[in-house]
C-alpha cells in the first residue's frame, strides 16, 4: 500500500487519528508486509522520520507543531 501521497489530507488525517508515533514506527520498521524504511536501503531511520514529518506537515489540515 505505502504511505498516502503528500497532500492527501483525508488519508493522512485517518492515520494521524491513530497515533503519530505509530505512523513513524510503521514507516521505519514496516507493518503488515510494508517495507522497512520505505524500501530505502540507504536511508537512515532519522532520514525516514524526517520524510514522514515533512509529509505530515504538507498534508495535515491541523497545525500540529509536533517538531
PDB file of N, CA and C in Angstrom:
ATOM      1  N   UNK A   1       0.820  -1.189   0.000  1.00  0.00           N
ATOM      2  CA  UNK A   1       0.000   0.000   0.000  1.00  0.00           C
ATOM      3  C   UNK A   1       0.865   1.255   0.000  1.00  0.00           C
ATOM      4  N   UNK A   2       1.761   1.373   0.947  1.00  0.00           N
ATOM      5  CA  UNK A   2       2.606   2.550   1.033  1.00  0.00           C
ATOM      6  C   UNK A   2       1.907   3.708   1.726  1.00  0.00           C
ATOM      7  N   UNK A   3       2.624   4.768   1.891  1.00  0.00           N
ATOM      8  CA  UNK A   3       2.078   5.959   2.543  1.00  0.00           C
ATOM      9  C   UNK A   3       1.144   6.689   1.594  1.00  0.00           C
ATOM     10  N   UNK A   4       0.166   7.394   2.168  1.00  0.00           N
ATOM     11  CA  UNK A   4      -0.658   8.247   1.314  1.00  0.00           C
ATOM     12  C   UNK A   4       0.215   9.304   0.644  1.00  0.00           C
ATOM     13  N   UNK A   5      -0.208   9.768  -0.480  1.00  0.00           N
ATOM     14  CA  UNK A   5       0.543  10.801  -1.193  1.00  0.00           C
ATOM     15  C   UNK A   5       0.526  12.107  -0.397  1.00  0.00           C
ATOM     16  N   UNK A   6       1.558  12.898  -0.586  1.00  0.00           N
ATOM     17  CA  UNK A   6       1.607  14.218   0.038  1.00  0.00           C
ATOM     18  C   UNK A   6       0.407  15.010  -0.465  1.00  0.00           C
ATOM     19  N   UNK A   7      -0.299  15.611   0.462  1.00  0.00           N
ATOM     20  CA  UNK A   7      -1.455  16.422   0.117  1.00  0.00           C
ATOM     21  C   UNK A   7      -2.779  15.683   0.209  1.00  0.00           C
ATOM     22  N   UNK A   8      -2.747  14.362   0.392  1.00  0.00           N
ATOM     23  CA  UNK A   8      -3.984  13.588   0.537  1.00  0.00           C
ATOM     24  C   UNK A   8      -4.456  13.738   1.984  1.00  0.00           C
ATOM     25  N   UNK A   9      -5.086  14.867   2.241  1.00  0.00           N
ATOM     26  CA  UNK A   9      -5.431  15.244   3.618  1.00  0.00           C
ATOM     27  C   UNK A   9      -6.359  14.233   4.276  1.00  0.00           C
ATOM     28  N   UNK A  10      -7.276  13.682   3.521  1.00  0.00           N
ATOM     29  CA  UNK A  10      -8.237  12.745   4.096  1.00  0.00           C
ATOM     30  C   UNK A  10      -7.543  11.503   4.648  1.00  0.00           C
ATOM     31  N   UNK A  11      -6.671  10.884   3.855  1.00  0.00           N
ATOM     32  CA  UNK A  11      -5.976   9.679   4.324  1.00  0.00           C
ATOM     33  C   UNK A  11      -4.985   9.977   5.444  1.00  0.00           C
ATOM     34  N   UNK A  12      -4.298  11.107   5.354  1.00  0.00           N
ATOM     35  CA  UNK A  12      -3.358  11.450   6.423  1.00  0.00           C
ATOM     36  C   UNK A  12      -4.095  11.706   7.733  1.00  0.00           C
ATOM     37  N   UNK A  13      -5.235  12.357   7.674  1.00  0.00           N
ATOM     38  CA  UNK A  13      -5.988  12.611   8.901  1.00  0.00           C
ATOM     39  C   UNK A  13      -6.414  11.297   9.562  1.00  0.00           C
ATOM     40  N   UNK A  14      -6.786  10.309   8.763  1.00  0.00           N
ATOM     41  CA  UNK A  14      -7.154   8.993   9.309  1.00  0.00           C
ATOM     42  C   UNK A  14      -5.956   8.382  10.025  1.00  0.00           C
ATOM     43  N   UNK A  15      -4.791   8.433   9.394  1.00  0.00           N
ATOM     44  CA  UNK A  15      -3.582   7.887  10.023  1.00  0.00           C
ATOM     45  C   UNK A  15      -3.223   8.640  11.296  1.00  0.00           C
ATOM     46  N   UNK A  16      -3.323   9.941  11.251  1.00  0.00           N
ATOM     47  CA  UNK A  16      -2.916  10.756  12.399  1.00  0.00           C
ATOM     48  C   UNK A  16      -3.859  10.588  13.588  1.00  0.00           C
ATOM     49  N   UNK A  17      -5.096  10.222  13.338  1.00  0.00           N
ATOM     50  CA  UNK A  17      -6.023   9.965  14.447  1.00  0.00           C
ATOM     51  C   UNK A  17      -5.564   8.771  15.263  1.00  0.00           C
ATOM     52  N   UNK A  18      -4.901   7.831  14.612  1.00  0.00           N
ATOM     53  CA  UNK A  18      -4.445   6.631  15.314  1.00  0.00           C
ATOM     54  C   UNK A  18      -3.335   6.993  16.284  1.00  0.00           C
ATOM     55  N   UNK A  19      -2.262   7.596  15.774  1.00  0.00           N
ATOM     56  CA  UNK A  19      -1.146   7.968  16.635  1.00  0.00           C
ATOM     57  C   UNK A  19       0.050   8.318  15.747  1.00  0.00           C
ATOM     58  N   UNK A  20       0.572   9.502  15.903  1.00  0.00           N
ATOM     59  CA  UNK A  20       1.709   9.941  15.096  1.00  0.00           C
ATOM     60  C   UNK A  20       2.917   9.034  15.326  1.00  0.00           C
ATOM     61  N   UNK A  21       3.138   8.628  16.560  1.00  0.00           N
ATOM     62  CA  UNK A  21       4.278   7.756  16.851  1.00  0.00           C
ATOM     63  C   UNK A  21       4.161   6.431  16.100  1.00  0.00           C
ATOM     64  N   UNK A  22       2.940   5.909  15.984  1.00  0.00           N
ATOM     65  CA  UNK A  22       2.734   4.658  15.244  1.00  0.00           C
ATOM     66  C   UNK A  22       2.987   4.856  13.755  1.00  0.00           C
ATOM     67  N   UNK A  23       2.577   5.982  13.220  1.00  0.00           N
ATOM     68  CA  UNK A  23       2.823   6.276  11.800  1.00  0.00           C
ATOM     69  C   UNK A  23       4.334   6.253  11.536  1.00  0.00           C
ATOM     70  N   UNK A  24       5.087   6.890  12.408  1.00  0.00           N
ATOM     71  CA  UNK A  24       6.546   6.929  12.261  1.00  0.00           C
ATOM     72  C   UNK A  24       7.135   5.537  12.467  1.00  0.00           C
ATOM     73  N   UNK A  25       6.670   4.823  13.465  1.00  0.00           N
ATOM     74  CA  UNK A  25       7.158   3.466  13.726  1.00  0.00           C
ATOM     75  C   UNK A  25       6.942   2.564  12.508  1.00  0.00           C
ATOM     76  N   UNK A  26       5.776   2.631  11.918  1.00  0.00           N
ATOM     77  CA  UNK A  26       5.476   1.793  10.758  1.00  0.00           C
ATOM     78  C   UNK A  26       6.315   2.186   9.548  1.00  0.00           C
ATOM     79  N   UNK A  27       6.614   3.473   9.421  1.00  0.00           N
ATOM     80  CA  UNK A  27       7.466   3.914   8.315  1.00  0.00           C
ATOM     81  C   UNK A  27       8.889   3.382   8.478  1.00  0.00           C
ATOM     82  N   UNK A  28       9.377   3.372   9.693  1.00  0.00           N
ATOM     83  CA  UNK A  28      10.759   2.942   9.946  1.00  0.00           C
ATOM     84  C   UNK A  28      10.879   1.417   9.940  1.00  0.00           C
ATOM     85  N   UNK A  29       9.973   0.743  10.618  1.00  0.00           N
ATOM     86  CA  UNK A  29      10.111  -0.707  10.821  1.00  0.00           C
ATOM     87  C   UNK A  29       9.200  -1.558   9.942  1.00  0.00           C
ATOM     88  N   UNK A  30       8.308  -0.921   9.192  1.00  0.00           N
ATOM     89  CA  UNK A  30       7.375  -1.655   8.347  1.00  0.00           C
ATOM     90  C   UNK A  30       6.196  -2.174   9.157  1.00  0.00           C
ATOM     91  N   UNK A  31       5.148  -2.574   8.449  1.00  0.00           N
ATOM     92  CA  UNK A  31       3.957  -3.114   9.102  1.00  0.00           C
ATOM     93  C   UNK A  31       3.158  -3.897   8.070  1.00  0.00           C
ATOM     94  N   UNK A  32       2.716  -5.075   8.455  1.00  0.00           N
ATOM     95  CA  UNK A  32       1.847  -5.891   7.601  1.00  0.00           C
ATOM     96  C   UNK A  32       2.366  -6.014   6.172  1.00  0.00           C
ATOM     97  N   UNK A  33       3.620  -6.321   6.045  1.00  0.00           N
ATOM     98  CA  UNK A  33       4.196  -6.524   4.723  1.00  0.00           C
ATOM     99  C   UNK A  33       4.750  -5.273   4.058  1.00  0.00           C
ATOM    100  N   UNK A  34       4.571  -4.124   4.696  1.00  0.00           N
ATOM    101  CA  UNK A  34       5.171  -2.922   4.099  1.00  0.00           C
ATOM    102  C   UNK A  34       6.676  -2.959   4.325  1.00  0.00           C
ATOM    103  N   UNK A  35       7.380  -2.247   3.519  1.00  0.00           N
ATOM    104  CA  UNK A  35       8.836  -2.306   3.538  1.00  0.00           C
ATOM    105  C   UNK A  35       9.433  -1.491   4.682  1.00  0.00           C
ATOM    106  N   UNK A  36      10.488  -2.021   5.244  1.00  0.00           N
ATOM    107  CA  UNK A  36      11.251  -1.297   6.261  1.00  0.00           C
ATOM    108  C   UNK A  36      11.873  -0.075   5.603  1.00  0.00           C
ATOM    109  N   UNK A  37      11.735   1.066   6.270  1.00  0.00           N
ATOM    110  CA  UNK A  37      12.255   2.344   5.776  1.00  0.00           C
ATOM    111  C   UNK A  37      11.824   2.617   4.330  1.00  0.00           C
ATOM    112  N   UNK A  38      10.593   2.222   4.006  1.00  0.00           N
ATOM    113  CA  UNK A  38      10.067   2.502   2.672  1.00  0.00           C
ATOM    114  C   UNK A  38      10.860   1.838   1.573  1.00  0.00           C
ATOM    115  N   UNK A  39      11.555   0.767   1.919  1.00  0.00           N
ATOM    116  CA  UNK A  39      12.400   0.016   0.990  1.00  0.00           C
ATOM    117  C   UNK A  39      13.610   0.821   0.532  1.00  0.00           C
ATOM    118  N   UNK A  40      13.992   1.806   1.322  1.00  0.00           N
ATOM    119  CA  UNK A  40      15.181   2.605   1.019  1.00  0.00           C
ATOM    120  C   UNK A  40      16.340   2.060   1.847  1.00  0.00           C
ATOM    121  N   UNK A  41      17.133   1.219   1.222  1.00  0.00           N
ATOM    122  CA  UNK A  41      18.237   0.576   1.937  1.00  0.00           C
ATOM    123  C   UNK A  41      19.313   1.556   2.384  1.00  0.00           C
ATOM    124  N   UNK A  42      19.424   2.674   1.690  1.00  0.00           N
ATOM    125  CA  UNK A  42      20.469   3.655   2.014  1.00  0.00           C
ATOM    126  C   UNK A  42      19.996   4.750   2.965  1.00  0.00           C
ATOM    127  N   UNK A  43      18.718   4.716   3.335  1.00  0.00           N
ATOM    128  CA  UNK A  43      18.163   5.746   4.217  1.00  0.00           C
ATOM    129  C   UNK A  43      18.356   5.352   5.683  1.00  0.00           C
ATOM    130  N   UNK A  44      18.726   6.321   6.474  1.00  0.00           N
ATOM    131  CA  UNK A  44      18.806   6.093   7.916  1.00  0.00           C
ATOM    132  C   UNK A  44      17.408   6.245   8.509  1.00  0.00           C
ATOM    133  N   UNK A  45      17.245   5.763   9.718  1.00  0.00           N
ATOM    134  CA  UNK A  45      15.964   5.935  10.404  1.00  0.00           C
ATOM    135  C   UNK A  45      15.615   7.415  10.533  1.00  0.00           C
ATOM    136  N   UNK A  46      16.596   8.240  10.846  1.00  0.00           N
ATOM    137  CA  UNK A  46      16.315   9.670  11.018  1.00  0.00           C
ATOM    138  C   UNK A  46      15.896  10.322   9.703  1.00  0.00           C
ATOM    139  N   UNK A  47      16.428   9.853   8.576  1.00  0.00           N
ATOM    140  CA  UNK A  47      16.005  10.393   7.281  1.00  0.00           C
ATOM    141  C   UNK A  47      14.553  10.007   6.974  1.00  0.00           C
ATOM    142  N   UNK A  48      14.186   8.784   7.315  1.00  0.00           N
ATOM    143  CA  UNK A  48      12.807   8.345   7.104  1.00  0.00           C
ATOM    144  C   UNK A  48      11.864   9.134   8.009  1.00  0.00           C
ATOM    145  N   UNK A  49      12.251   9.335   9.244  1.00  0.00           N
ATOM    146  CA  UNK A  49      11.436  10.111  10.179  1.00  0.00           C
ATOM    147  C   UNK A  49      11.257  11.540   9.666  1.00  0.00           C
ATOM    148  N   UNK A  50      12.330  12.136   9.165  1.00  0.00           N
ATOM    149  CA  UNK A  50      12.239  13.489   8.605  1.00  0.00           C
ATOM    150  C   UNK A  50      11.302  13.527   7.401  1.00  0.00           C
ATOM    151  N   UNK A  51      11.346  12.508   6.579  1.00  0.00           N
ATOM    152  CA  UNK A  51      10.463  12.441   5.406  1.00  0.00           C
ATOM    153  C   UNK A  51       9.004  12.336   5.846  1.00  0.00           C
ATOM    154  N   UNK A  52       8.729  11.520   6.853  1.00  0.00           N
ATOM    155  CA  UNK A  52       7.362  11.376   7.355  1.00  0.00           C
ATOM    156  C   UNK A  52       6.883  12.705   7.939  1.00  0.00           C
ATOM    157  N   UNK A  53       7.719  13.360   8.709  1.00  0.00           N
ATOM    158  CA  UNK A  53       7.345  14.655   9.282  1.00  0.00           C
ATOM    159  C   UNK A  53       7.032  15.675   8.183  1.00  0.00           C
ATOM    160  N   UNK A  54       7.835  15.679   7.139  1.00  0.00           N
ATOM    161  CA  UNK A  54       7.604  16.584   6.009  1.00  0.00           C
ATOM    162  C   UNK A  54       6.252  16.274   5.364  1.00  0.00           C
ATOM    163  N   UNK A  55       5.982  14.994   5.133  1.00  0.00           N
ATOM    164  CA  UNK A  55       4.731  14.593   4.510  1.00  0.00           C
ATOM    165  C   UNK A  55       3.532  14.992   5.369  1.00  0.00           C
ATOM    166  N   UNK A  56       3.654  14.809   6.678  1.00  0.00           N
ATOM    167  CA  UNK A  56       2.569  15.190   7.588  1.00  0.00           C
ATOM    168  C   UNK A  56       2.369  16.704   7.555  1.00  0.00           C
ATOM    169  N   UNK A  57       3.459  17.454   7.626  1.00  0.00           N
ATOM    170  CA  UNK A  57       3.358  18.917   7.604  1.00  0.00           C
ATOM    171  C   UNK A  57       2.663  19.410   6.336  1.00  0.00           C
ATOM    172  N   UNK A  58       2.928  18.775   5.217  1.00  0.00           N
ATOM    173  CA  UNK A  58       2.358  19.197   3.937  1.00  0.00           C
ATOM    174  C   UNK A  58       0.960  18.637   3.689  1.00  0.00           C
ATOM    175  N   UNK A  59       0.511  17.728   4.532  1.00  0.00           N
ATOM    176  CA  UNK A  59      -0.732  17.021   4.250  1.00  0.00           C
ATOM    177  C   UNK A  59      -1.802  17.156   5.320  1.00  0.00           C
ATOM    178  N   UNK A  60      -1.481  17.763   6.424  1.00  0.00           N
ATOM    179  CA  UNK A  60      -2.446  17.844   7.512  1.00  0.00           C
ATOM    180  C   UNK A  60      -3.102  19.218   7.523  1.00  0.00           C
ATOM    181  N   UNK A  61      -4.399  19.212   7.757  1.00  0.00           N
ATOM    182  CA  UNK A  61      -5.122  20.483   7.874  1.00  0.00           C
ATOM    183  C   UNK A  61      -4.873  21.117   9.230  1.00  0.00           C
ATOM    184  N   UNK A  62      -4.451  20.305  10.173  1.00  0.00           N
ATOM    185  CA  UNK A  62      -4.174  20.810  11.511  1.00  0.00           C
ATOM    186  C   UNK A  62      -2.762  21.382  11.554  1.00  0.00           C
ATOM    187  N   UNK A  63      -2.576  22.359  12.382  1.00  0.00           N
ATOM    188  CA  UNK A  63      -1.257  22.923  12.618  1.00  0.00           C
ATOM    189  C   UNK A  63      -0.674  22.153  13.809  1.00  0.00           C
ATOM    190  N   UNK A  64      -0.049  21.025  13.539  1.00  0.00           N
ATOM    191  CA  UNK A  64       0.346  20.124  14.606  1.00  0.00           C
ATOM    192  C   UNK A  64       1.519  20.627  15.429  1.00  0.00           C
ATOM    193  N   UNK A  65       2.435  21.310  14.811  1.00  0.00           N
ATOM    194  CA  UNK A  65       3.618  21.820  15.503  1.00  0.00           C
ATOM    195  C   UNK A  65       4.232  20.754  16.406  1.00  0.00           C
ATOM    196  N   UNK A  66       4.434  19.578  15.832  1.00  0.00           N
ATOM    197  CA  UNK A  66       4.966  18.462  16.599  1.00  0.00           C
ATOM    198  C   UNK A  66       6.486  18.518  16.748  1.00  0.00           C
ATOM    199  N   UNK A  67       7.123  19.220  15.862  1.00  0.00           N
ATOM    200  CA  UNK A  67       8.572  19.174  15.844  1.00  0.00           C
ATOM    201  C   UNK A  67       9.144  20.519  15.567  1.00  0.00           C
TER     202      UNK A  67
END
